[in-house]
Protein backbone atom coordinates (compact mmCIF):
# COMPACT_ATOMS: atom_id res chain seq x y z
CA MET A 1 134.41 -209.44 121.06
CA SER A 2 137.69 -208.68 120.43
CA LEU A 3 138.84 -211.70 118.55
CA LEU A 4 135.41 -211.42 116.48
CA THR A 5 136.63 -207.75 116.29
CA ALA A 6 140.04 -208.83 114.68
CA LEU A 7 138.05 -211.00 112.36
CA ASN A 8 136.22 -208.11 110.69
CA THR A 9 139.36 -206.25 111.00
CA GLY A 10 140.54 -209.06 108.68
CA THR A 11 137.88 -209.40 106.81
CA THR A 12 137.64 -205.21 105.72
CA GLY A 13 141.47 -205.14 105.29
CA MET A 14 141.84 -207.87 102.82
CA ALA A 15 138.21 -206.56 100.75
CA ALA A 16 140.60 -202.96 100.50
CA SER A 17 143.35 -205.03 99.32
CA SER A 18 141.21 -206.61 96.78
CA GLN A 19 139.97 -203.04 95.41
CA ASN A 20 143.55 -201.91 95.20
CA LEU A 21 144.24 -204.60 93.01
CA SER A 22 141.08 -203.76 90.99
CA VAL A 23 142.13 -200.20 90.94
CA ILE A 24 145.77 -201.24 89.45
CA GLY A 25 144.53 -203.80 87.50
CA ASP A 26 142.53 -200.96 85.50
CA ASN A 27 145.63 -199.09 84.96
CA ILE A 28 147.72 -201.44 83.57
CA ALA A 29 144.30 -202.65 81.25
CA ASN A 30 144.57 -199.13 79.90
CA ALA A 31 148.69 -199.06 79.58
CA ASN A 32 147.74 -198.51 75.93
CA THR A 33 144.40 -196.45 76.17
CA ILE A 34 144.79 -193.07 74.58
CA GLY A 35 144.01 -190.26 77.19
CA PHE A 36 143.70 -192.38 80.16
CA LYS A 37 144.44 -191.18 83.05
CA GLU A 38 145.35 -193.51 86.07
CA GLY A 39 143.37 -194.05 88.84
CA ARG A 40 144.76 -194.41 92.76
CA ALA A 41 143.21 -196.28 95.92
CA ALA A 42 142.90 -193.90 99.07
CA PHE A 43 142.05 -195.68 102.50
CA GLU A 44 140.89 -194.19 105.76
CA ASP A 45 140.00 -196.27 108.73
CA ALA A 46 137.24 -197.55 109.83
CA LEU A 47 134.66 -196.08 112.96
CA VAL A 48 137.44 -197.25 115.89
CA GLN A 49 135.38 -198.11 119.22
CA GLU A 50 136.29 -196.84 122.79
CA VAL A 51 138.25 -199.32 125.11
CA ILE A 52 136.02 -199.10 128.18
CA GLY A 53 137.34 -200.72 131.78
CA THR A 54 140.55 -200.26 131.11
CA PRO A 55 143.58 -198.28 132.70
CA GLY A 56 144.01 -195.42 130.49
CA GLY A 57 140.71 -196.19 128.24
CA GLY A 58 141.99 -195.88 124.34
CA GLN A 59 140.33 -196.91 120.95
CA LEU A 60 140.56 -200.11 119.20
CA GLY A 61 140.09 -199.46 115.02
CA ASP A 62 137.51 -201.47 113.26
CA GLY A 63 139.90 -201.98 110.20
CA VAL A 64 139.45 -200.01 106.72
CA ASN A 65 137.61 -198.59 104.19
CA LEU A 66 137.98 -197.82 100.44
CA GLN A 67 138.02 -193.67 100.72
CA ALA A 68 137.89 -192.72 97.44
CA ILE A 69 139.43 -193.71 93.42
CA GLN A 70 141.75 -190.84 92.71
CA ARG A 71 142.07 -189.78 89.20
CA ILE A 72 145.51 -188.80 88.72
CA ILE A 73 145.59 -185.94 85.82
CA THR A 74 149.20 -185.65 84.62
CA GLN A 75 150.10 -184.94 81.10
CA GLY A 76 150.56 -188.16 79.34
CA ALA A 77 153.51 -188.24 76.71
CA LEU A 78 153.10 -187.37 73.26
CA THR A 79 153.48 -189.62 70.14
CA GLN A 80 153.37 -188.76 66.96
CA THR A 81 150.98 -190.01 63.80
CA GLY A 82 151.36 -188.20 61.29
CA ILE A 83 147.32 -188.19 60.62
CA SER A 84 146.36 -184.45 60.89
CA THR A 85 143.06 -185.19 62.65
CA ASP A 86 144.81 -186.88 65.33
CA LEU A 87 144.90 -184.47 67.99
CA ALA A 88 146.65 -184.04 71.76
CA LEU A 89 145.95 -181.57 74.23
CA GLN A 90 149.53 -180.07 76.00
CA GLY A 91 148.07 -178.70 79.20
CA SER A 92 144.86 -178.55 81.15
CA GLY A 93 141.46 -179.12 79.73
CA GLN A 94 139.27 -181.59 77.59
CA PHE A 95 138.20 -182.01 73.84
CA VAL A 96 134.13 -181.69 73.87
CA VAL A 97 132.20 -184.04 72.07
CA LYS A 98 128.38 -184.64 71.43
CA GLY A 99 125.88 -187.29 70.49
CA ASN A 100 124.25 -190.53 71.23
CA LEU A 101 125.87 -192.78 73.47
CA ASN A 102 124.56 -196.49 74.42
CA GLY A 103 120.89 -194.28 74.24
CA VAL A 104 122.13 -191.36 75.96
CA GLN A 105 122.32 -188.31 73.93
CA SER A 106 124.39 -185.73 75.74
CA GLN A 107 127.95 -183.93 75.65
CA PHE A 108 130.98 -185.86 76.85
CA TYR A 109 134.42 -185.05 77.64
CA THR A 110 137.82 -186.77 76.74
CA ARG A 111 141.60 -186.75 76.13
CA ASP A 112 141.40 -188.86 73.68
CA GLY A 113 142.17 -186.98 70.39
CA GLN A 114 141.19 -189.93 67.74
CA PHE A 115 139.29 -188.01 65.44
CA THR A 116 138.21 -188.38 61.98
CA VAL A 117 135.90 -187.03 59.21
CA ASP A 118 132.86 -188.95 58.71
CA LYS A 119 130.76 -189.35 55.42
CA SER A 120 128.58 -186.30 56.21
CA GLY A 121 131.78 -183.78 56.57
CA TYR A 122 132.11 -183.58 60.72
CA LEU A 123 134.90 -184.14 62.69
CA VAL A 124 133.70 -187.42 64.85
CA ASN A 125 135.71 -189.81 67.13
CA LEU A 126 136.50 -193.28 66.73
CA VAL A 127 132.53 -194.13 68.33
CA GLY A 128 130.78 -191.31 65.99
CA LEU A 129 130.36 -188.25 68.86
CA ARG A 130 130.94 -184.99 66.88
CA LEU A 131 133.96 -182.67 67.85
CA GLN A 132 132.63 -179.59 69.09
CA GLY A 133 133.79 -176.52 67.99
CA TYR A 134 133.38 -172.69 66.19
CA PRO A 135 132.65 -172.69 63.02
CA ALA A 136 134.05 -170.02 60.49
CA ASP A 137 132.70 -168.44 58.06
CA SER A 138 133.20 -168.10 53.85
CA LYS A 139 136.08 -165.80 54.32
CA GLY A 140 138.00 -167.93 57.18
CA VAL A 141 136.82 -165.76 59.85
CA VAL A 142 135.45 -167.65 63.55
CA GLN A 143 132.30 -167.31 64.21
CA GLY A 144 130.54 -167.56 67.83
CA GLY A 145 128.44 -170.43 69.23
CA LEU A 146 129.44 -173.86 70.12
CA GLY A 147 128.46 -176.72 67.86
CA ASP A 148 129.64 -179.69 65.73
CA LEU A 149 132.65 -178.98 63.27
CA LEU A 150 131.84 -179.34 59.86
CA VAL A 151 134.55 -179.38 57.66
CA GLY A 152 134.48 -182.42 55.10
CA THR A 153 132.04 -180.37 52.74
CA ALA A 154 133.98 -176.82 52.45
CA SER A 155 134.68 -175.50 49.11
CA ALA A 156 136.74 -172.57 47.72
CA ASN A 157 134.43 -170.65 45.69
CA ALA A 158 136.13 -169.03 42.05
CA ASN A 159 137.46 -165.49 42.66
CA PRO A 160 138.28 -163.05 39.33
CA THR A 161 141.59 -162.10 38.42
CA LYS A 162 141.64 -158.77 39.38
CA ALA A 163 145.37 -157.55 39.41
CA ILE A 164 148.47 -159.16 37.80
CA THR A 165 151.66 -158.45 39.30
CA MET A 166 154.91 -159.38 36.70
CA LYS A 167 158.85 -158.92 37.21
CA GLY A 168 161.70 -159.35 35.16
CA ASN A 169 164.67 -157.50 32.94
CA LEU A 170 164.06 -156.69 29.77
CA ALA A 171 167.34 -156.26 28.23
CA ALA A 172 168.66 -153.03 27.20
CA ASP A 173 170.48 -154.10 24.58
CA ALA A 174 167.64 -155.84 23.00
CA PRO A 175 167.31 -154.46 19.30
CA ILE A 176 164.86 -151.91 18.33
CA SER A 177 161.95 -153.42 16.64
CA ASN A 178 162.34 -153.21 12.36
CA THR A 179 158.41 -154.01 12.01
CA PRO A 180 155.98 -150.66 11.76
CA ALA A 181 153.49 -152.10 14.56
CA PHE A 182 152.66 -155.00 16.49
CA ASP A 183 150.44 -157.29 14.63
CA PRO A 184 147.96 -159.85 16.85
CA LEU A 185 148.62 -162.40 13.88
CA ASP A 186 152.16 -162.19 14.15
CA PRO A 187 152.65 -161.48 17.86
CA THR A 188 155.92 -163.48 17.97
CA GLY A 189 157.41 -161.72 14.81
CA THR A 190 156.75 -158.41 15.88
CA SER A 191 158.00 -158.60 19.55
CA ASN A 192 161.25 -159.10 21.36
CA THR A 193 160.22 -161.18 23.83
CA GLN A 194 156.93 -163.14 26.25
CA SER A 195 156.04 -163.78 29.14
CA SER A 196 152.72 -166.40 30.01
CA VAL A 197 150.48 -165.62 33.09
CA THR A 198 146.95 -167.45 34.23
CA VAL A 199 144.28 -165.71 34.73
CA TYR A 200 140.57 -166.22 36.18
CA ASP A 201 137.16 -165.13 34.79
CA SER A 202 134.36 -164.82 37.53
CA LEU A 203 133.20 -168.28 36.21
CA GLY A 204 136.65 -168.92 38.02
CA GLN A 205 137.20 -170.15 34.08
CA ALA A 206 141.31 -170.24 33.34
CA HIS A 207 142.55 -168.49 30.09
CA THR A 208 146.17 -168.07 29.40
CA VAL A 209 147.08 -164.06 28.48
CA ASP A 210 150.39 -164.34 26.92
CA VAL A 211 152.34 -161.11 27.38
CA TYR A 212 154.33 -159.47 24.34
CA TYR A 213 156.89 -157.07 24.53
CA ARG A 214 158.25 -154.77 22.11
CA LYS A 215 161.46 -152.47 22.63
CA THR A 216 160.13 -149.30 19.99
CA ALA A 217 162.99 -146.72 21.32
CA ALA A 218 165.69 -146.38 23.59
CA GLY A 219 164.52 -147.07 27.03
CA THR A 220 160.52 -147.71 25.42
CA TRP A 221 158.69 -151.02 25.55
CA ASP A 222 154.92 -151.72 24.02
CA TYR A 223 153.24 -154.29 25.88
CA HIS A 224 150.41 -156.48 24.77
CA ALA A 225 148.48 -158.87 26.82
CA MET A 226 146.62 -161.71 24.00
CA THR A 227 144.60 -164.67 24.54
CA ASP A 228 142.66 -167.23 22.95
CA GLY A 229 139.76 -166.00 21.26
CA ALA A 230 137.97 -169.63 22.02
CA GLY A 231 136.99 -168.28 25.49
CA LEU A 232 136.04 -164.46 24.33
CA THR A 233 132.72 -162.93 23.65
CA GLY A 234 132.85 -162.71 19.86
CA GLY A 235 136.00 -163.85 19.88
CA THR A 236 137.58 -166.80 17.14
CA PRO A 237 138.72 -170.25 18.30
CA GLY A 238 142.57 -170.60 17.70
CA VAL A 239 142.76 -166.69 16.86
CA ALA A 240 144.50 -164.86 19.51
CA THR A 241 142.68 -161.57 20.56
CA GLU A 242 144.66 -158.41 22.25
CA ILE A 243 142.82 -157.78 25.63
CA ALA A 244 145.29 -155.20 27.19
CA SER A 245 147.83 -152.96 26.34
CA GLY A 246 150.17 -149.65 27.39
CA THR A 247 153.92 -148.39 27.48
CA LEU A 248 156.56 -148.92 29.78
CA THR A 249 159.49 -146.38 30.00
CA PHE A 250 162.87 -146.60 31.48
CA ASP A 251 165.69 -143.92 32.25
CA ALA A 252 169.39 -143.95 31.77
CA ASN A 253 169.83 -146.26 35.04
CA GLY A 254 167.29 -149.23 33.95
CA LYS A 255 164.82 -147.63 35.99
CA LEU A 256 160.98 -148.16 35.15
CA THR A 257 160.16 -144.51 35.06
CA THR A 258 156.50 -144.81 33.59
CA GLN A 259 153.81 -147.11 33.22
CA VAL A 260 151.12 -146.20 30.82
CA ASP A 261 148.21 -148.85 30.08
CA ASN A 262 145.42 -148.31 27.48
CA PRO A 263 141.53 -149.29 28.62
CA PRO A 264 141.30 -153.31 29.30
CA SER A 265 139.05 -155.19 27.15
CA PHE A 266 138.77 -158.64 28.42
CA ASN A 267 134.78 -160.20 27.47
CA PRO A 268 135.06 -163.71 29.09
CA ILE A 269 132.33 -166.23 27.97
CA GLY A 270 129.51 -166.19 29.91
CA ALA A 271 131.50 -164.37 32.70
CA THR A 272 131.17 -160.57 33.89
CA ASN A 273 131.73 -158.60 31.31
CA PRO A 274 133.71 -156.30 30.59
CA GLN A 275 136.23 -157.96 33.52
CA PRO A 276 138.52 -155.06 34.72
CA LEU A 277 142.13 -155.92 34.58
CA THR A 278 145.27 -154.17 36.28
CA PHE A 279 148.72 -154.93 34.75
CA ASN A 280 151.64 -153.94 37.61
CA PHE A 281 155.06 -153.57 36.20
CA GLY A 282 156.81 -152.27 38.74
CA ASP A 283 156.87 -149.20 41.10
CA PRO A 284 157.47 -146.33 38.55
CA THR A 285 159.80 -143.35 39.98
CA SER A 286 157.54 -140.49 38.17
CA THR A 287 155.24 -142.07 41.20
CA GLY A 288 157.48 -141.81 43.59
CA GLY A 289 158.36 -145.49 43.41
CA THR A 290 162.07 -147.09 43.23
CA GLY A 291 161.26 -148.20 39.74
CA VAL A 292 163.20 -151.10 40.58
CA ALA A 293 160.76 -153.30 42.47
CA GLY A 294 159.22 -154.86 39.23
CA PHE A 295 160.82 -154.64 35.31
CA THR A 296 163.91 -153.13 34.91
CA GLN A 297 165.67 -152.87 31.82
CA PHE A 298 169.31 -153.38 32.04
CA GLY A 299 172.18 -154.68 29.35
CA GLY A 300 174.86 -157.23 29.64
CA THR A 301 172.43 -159.93 28.73
CA ASN A 302 173.36 -160.38 25.36
CA GLY A 303 170.29 -158.75 24.38
CA VAL A 304 167.83 -161.53 26.22
CA SER A 305 165.08 -160.63 28.41
CA SER A 306 163.43 -162.56 31.15
CA THR A 307 160.75 -162.53 33.49
CA THR A 308 161.28 -163.77 36.89
CA PHE A 309 157.90 -163.47 38.77
CA THR A 310 154.21 -163.77 37.63
CA GLY A 311 151.42 -163.69 39.83
CA GLN A 312 147.69 -162.99 40.02
CA ASP A 313 145.09 -162.35 42.82
CA GLY A 314 142.18 -165.01 41.22
CA ASN A 315 141.85 -168.68 41.48
CA GLY A 316 139.07 -171.41 40.25
CA TYR A 317 136.34 -173.19 41.76
CA GLY A 318 138.63 -175.89 44.61
CA SER A 319 137.15 -178.66 46.40
CA LEU A 320 138.87 -179.66 49.70
CA SER A 321 141.87 -181.86 49.55
CA SER A 322 143.32 -181.81 53.31
CA VAL A 323 142.43 -180.48 56.75
CA THR A 324 145.21 -179.09 58.94
CA ILE A 325 145.26 -178.07 62.75
CA ASN A 326 147.14 -175.48 64.68
CA ASN A 327 147.85 -175.38 67.89
CA LYS A 328 145.18 -173.08 68.64
CA GLY A 329 142.71 -175.32 67.47
CA GLU A 330 142.01 -173.72 63.89
CA VAL A 331 140.95 -176.52 61.29
CA GLU A 332 142.50 -174.98 58.07
CA GLY A 333 141.53 -176.42 54.50
CA SER A 334 143.66 -176.64 51.33
CA PHE A 335 141.86 -176.98 48.31
CA THR A 336 142.85 -178.21 44.59
CA ASN A 337 142.87 -174.62 43.40
CA GLY A 338 145.80 -173.91 45.27
CA SER A 339 143.89 -171.33 48.02
CA THR A 340 143.39 -171.91 51.83
CA ARG A 341 141.03 -171.20 54.49
CA VAL A 342 140.18 -171.84 58.16
CA LEU A 343 137.09 -173.62 58.33
CA GLY A 344 135.99 -173.53 62.25
CA GLN A 345 138.29 -173.87 65.46
CA VAL A 346 138.05 -176.39 68.29
CA ALA A 347 136.99 -175.64 71.19
CA VAL A 348 138.78 -177.23 74.87
CA ALA A 349 136.54 -177.14 77.77
CA ASP A 350 138.59 -176.64 81.45
CA PHE A 351 137.36 -177.63 84.90
CA LYS A 352 138.22 -176.98 88.22
CA ALA A 353 137.88 -180.17 89.33
CA ALA A 354 139.10 -182.08 86.32
CA ASP A 355 139.85 -185.23 88.56
CA LYS A 356 135.99 -185.42 89.60
CA LEU A 357 134.41 -186.17 86.49
CA GLN A 358 132.62 -189.38 86.30
CA ARG A 359 134.24 -192.02 83.57
CA VAL A 360 131.67 -193.72 80.98
CA SER A 361 132.70 -195.98 78.65
CA GLY A 362 134.53 -195.14 75.17
CA ASN A 363 137.81 -192.91 76.84
CA LEU A 364 134.66 -190.62 77.74
CA ALA A 365 133.69 -188.24 80.84
CA ILE A 366 130.58 -186.20 82.01
CA GLU A 367 130.59 -183.57 84.55
CA THR A 368 129.62 -184.40 88.27
CA THR A 369 128.68 -181.77 90.94
CA ASP A 370 132.15 -182.44 92.51
CA SER A 371 133.91 -181.55 88.95
CA GLY A 372 131.90 -178.30 88.43
CA GLN A 373 130.69 -176.64 85.51
CA PRO A 374 133.09 -176.46 81.91
CA THR A 375 134.32 -173.46 80.97
CA ILE A 376 134.73 -173.67 77.29
CA GLY A 377 137.07 -171.79 75.18
CA GLU A 378 139.55 -171.14 72.39
CA PRO A 379 143.07 -173.34 73.50
CA ALA A 380 146.10 -171.74 74.81
CA SER A 381 143.97 -169.23 76.11
CA GLY A 382 142.17 -168.95 79.62
CA GLY A 383 144.73 -171.79 81.23
CA ARG A 384 143.52 -174.02 78.65
CA GLY A 385 146.02 -176.08 77.13
CA SER A 386 147.36 -176.05 73.34
CA ILE A 387 146.65 -178.34 70.70
CA ALA A 388 149.36 -180.71 69.01
CA SER A 389 147.87 -181.89 65.71
CA GLY A 390 149.47 -184.94 64.33
CA ALA A 391 149.95 -186.41 67.63
CA LEU A 392 147.90 -188.55 70.34
CA GLU A 393 148.44 -188.15 74.32
CA GLN A 394 149.46 -191.70 75.26
CA SER A 395 148.37 -193.15 78.68
CA ASN A 396 150.42 -191.67 81.84
CA VAL A 397 150.30 -195.43 83.46
CA ASP A 398 153.80 -196.08 84.77
CA LEU A 399 154.09 -200.27 84.53
CA ALA A 400 156.91 -200.21 86.05
CA GLY A 401 155.30 -198.12 88.78
CA GLU A 402 151.95 -200.20 88.72
CA PHE A 403 153.92 -203.54 89.25
CA VAL A 404 155.57 -202.52 92.69
CA ASN A 405 152.05 -201.58 93.96
CA MET A 406 150.82 -204.62 92.94
CA ILE A 407 153.00 -206.69 94.96
CA SER A 408 152.39 -203.92 97.83
CA ALA A 409 148.91 -204.90 97.72
CA GLN A 410 149.30 -208.65 97.29
CA ARG A 411 151.43 -208.59 100.61
CA ALA A 412 148.96 -206.52 102.16
CA PHE A 413 146.43 -208.99 101.14
CA GLN A 414 148.57 -211.98 102.37
CA ALA A 415 149.26 -210.26 105.92
CA ASN A 416 145.22 -209.19 106.52
CA SER A 417 144.90 -213.16 105.93
CA LYS A 418 147.01 -214.33 108.74
CA THR A 419 145.14 -211.79 110.58
CA ILE A 420 142.04 -213.74 109.87
CA THR A 421 143.51 -217.34 110.60
CA THR A 422 144.81 -216.64 113.46
CA ALA A 423 141.92 -214.87 115.40
CA ASP A 424 140.18 -218.12 113.74
CA SER A 425 143.11 -220.46 115.77
CA LEU A 426 142.52 -218.46 118.99
CA LEU A 427 138.96 -219.38 118.16
CA GLY A 428 139.51 -222.48 118.10
CA GLU A 429 140.96 -222.70 121.32
CA LEU A 430 138.06 -221.21 122.92
CA MET A 431 136.20 -224.01 121.63
CA GLN A 432 137.79 -226.33 123.48
CA LEU A 433 137.84 -225.51 126.76
CA LYS A 434 135.00 -226.79 127.74
CA ARG A 435 135.76 -230.12 126.92
């Protein structure tokens, strides 16, 4: 019986070595698979037999079995790709994707972050499963409720300009205007200098506003905001129309002391009428300001005034031009009107025993009883890893180590085959005893 046992023992050893070679081969084959986690064959000794009738007794082993194939979930190296929708997890966790795979509608988990935007505007992986996350409202505030991340259909609504901010210096040595009054039909000839800014109405239409500054006395300037009448209710195309005016005064130190504004009269065609406009030329000292945060009046410029900054708080309609994703998984959209807004946030799932997830095709896995249920939430929180955008996580397979393991498995297979040939030779000798 012991020779037959030896044959069986050698057979189990060869089978175990073959299975080990399969695991090693799978690792090597997936050395370039994004997010792949290598496997390791774990063996156990087979059922042993009690040796009876011999001095001291003892146990006789019956070979080896494959106990389990363990997934090694160490971090893989990150490779920069420059593609904003390529994502890599740094730390614990899995991306969550949902959809139909081989006829099965389910939720899957993956470390493969090769995502793109499909024709419907959803973030999907390369087999079309939709990335899961949390949507954001029209103001960019992330809302609760896990679902498909829709980003490609986003747009930026038009916002009317309410406030205009301008900074610069009105030359103290500029001459006082010798004209009796500002003439809207000859704004350049009846002013000292000008600056321009673009404002938007409630429909998102852009209007170029030219602001003319006229020095009426020492330390006193009038401003007149003009725009083409083509965009105004009742206006005449090609004829500039005044929509705002006021007076700026400066003290002997060049500081803005007061700003007095006349009621604006901006009435864009088809939009909100009238549209409120506030011009901010600085922080007057009469209201507790410094007087130098906006326009000042200093000399030494040979009478040349200058505008150093113009800004306003409105924007026109904008379509999505690009998306970026930060380390917290927030998907931020950039629009053609220059505005940006958070469109949603990528979700990350964490498992107590991620190495127990069951592999399926397409670099995907599903939860099992042994893996436990996922804890899904924001990246970089609750023990979940952060996200690197424009990068992919490479396989954690060490090719050099796998080749060493392959040699070891090959030698084990050859050694176990010797057990079988030796036992066979001895059985042959027994068969010859009867002759």
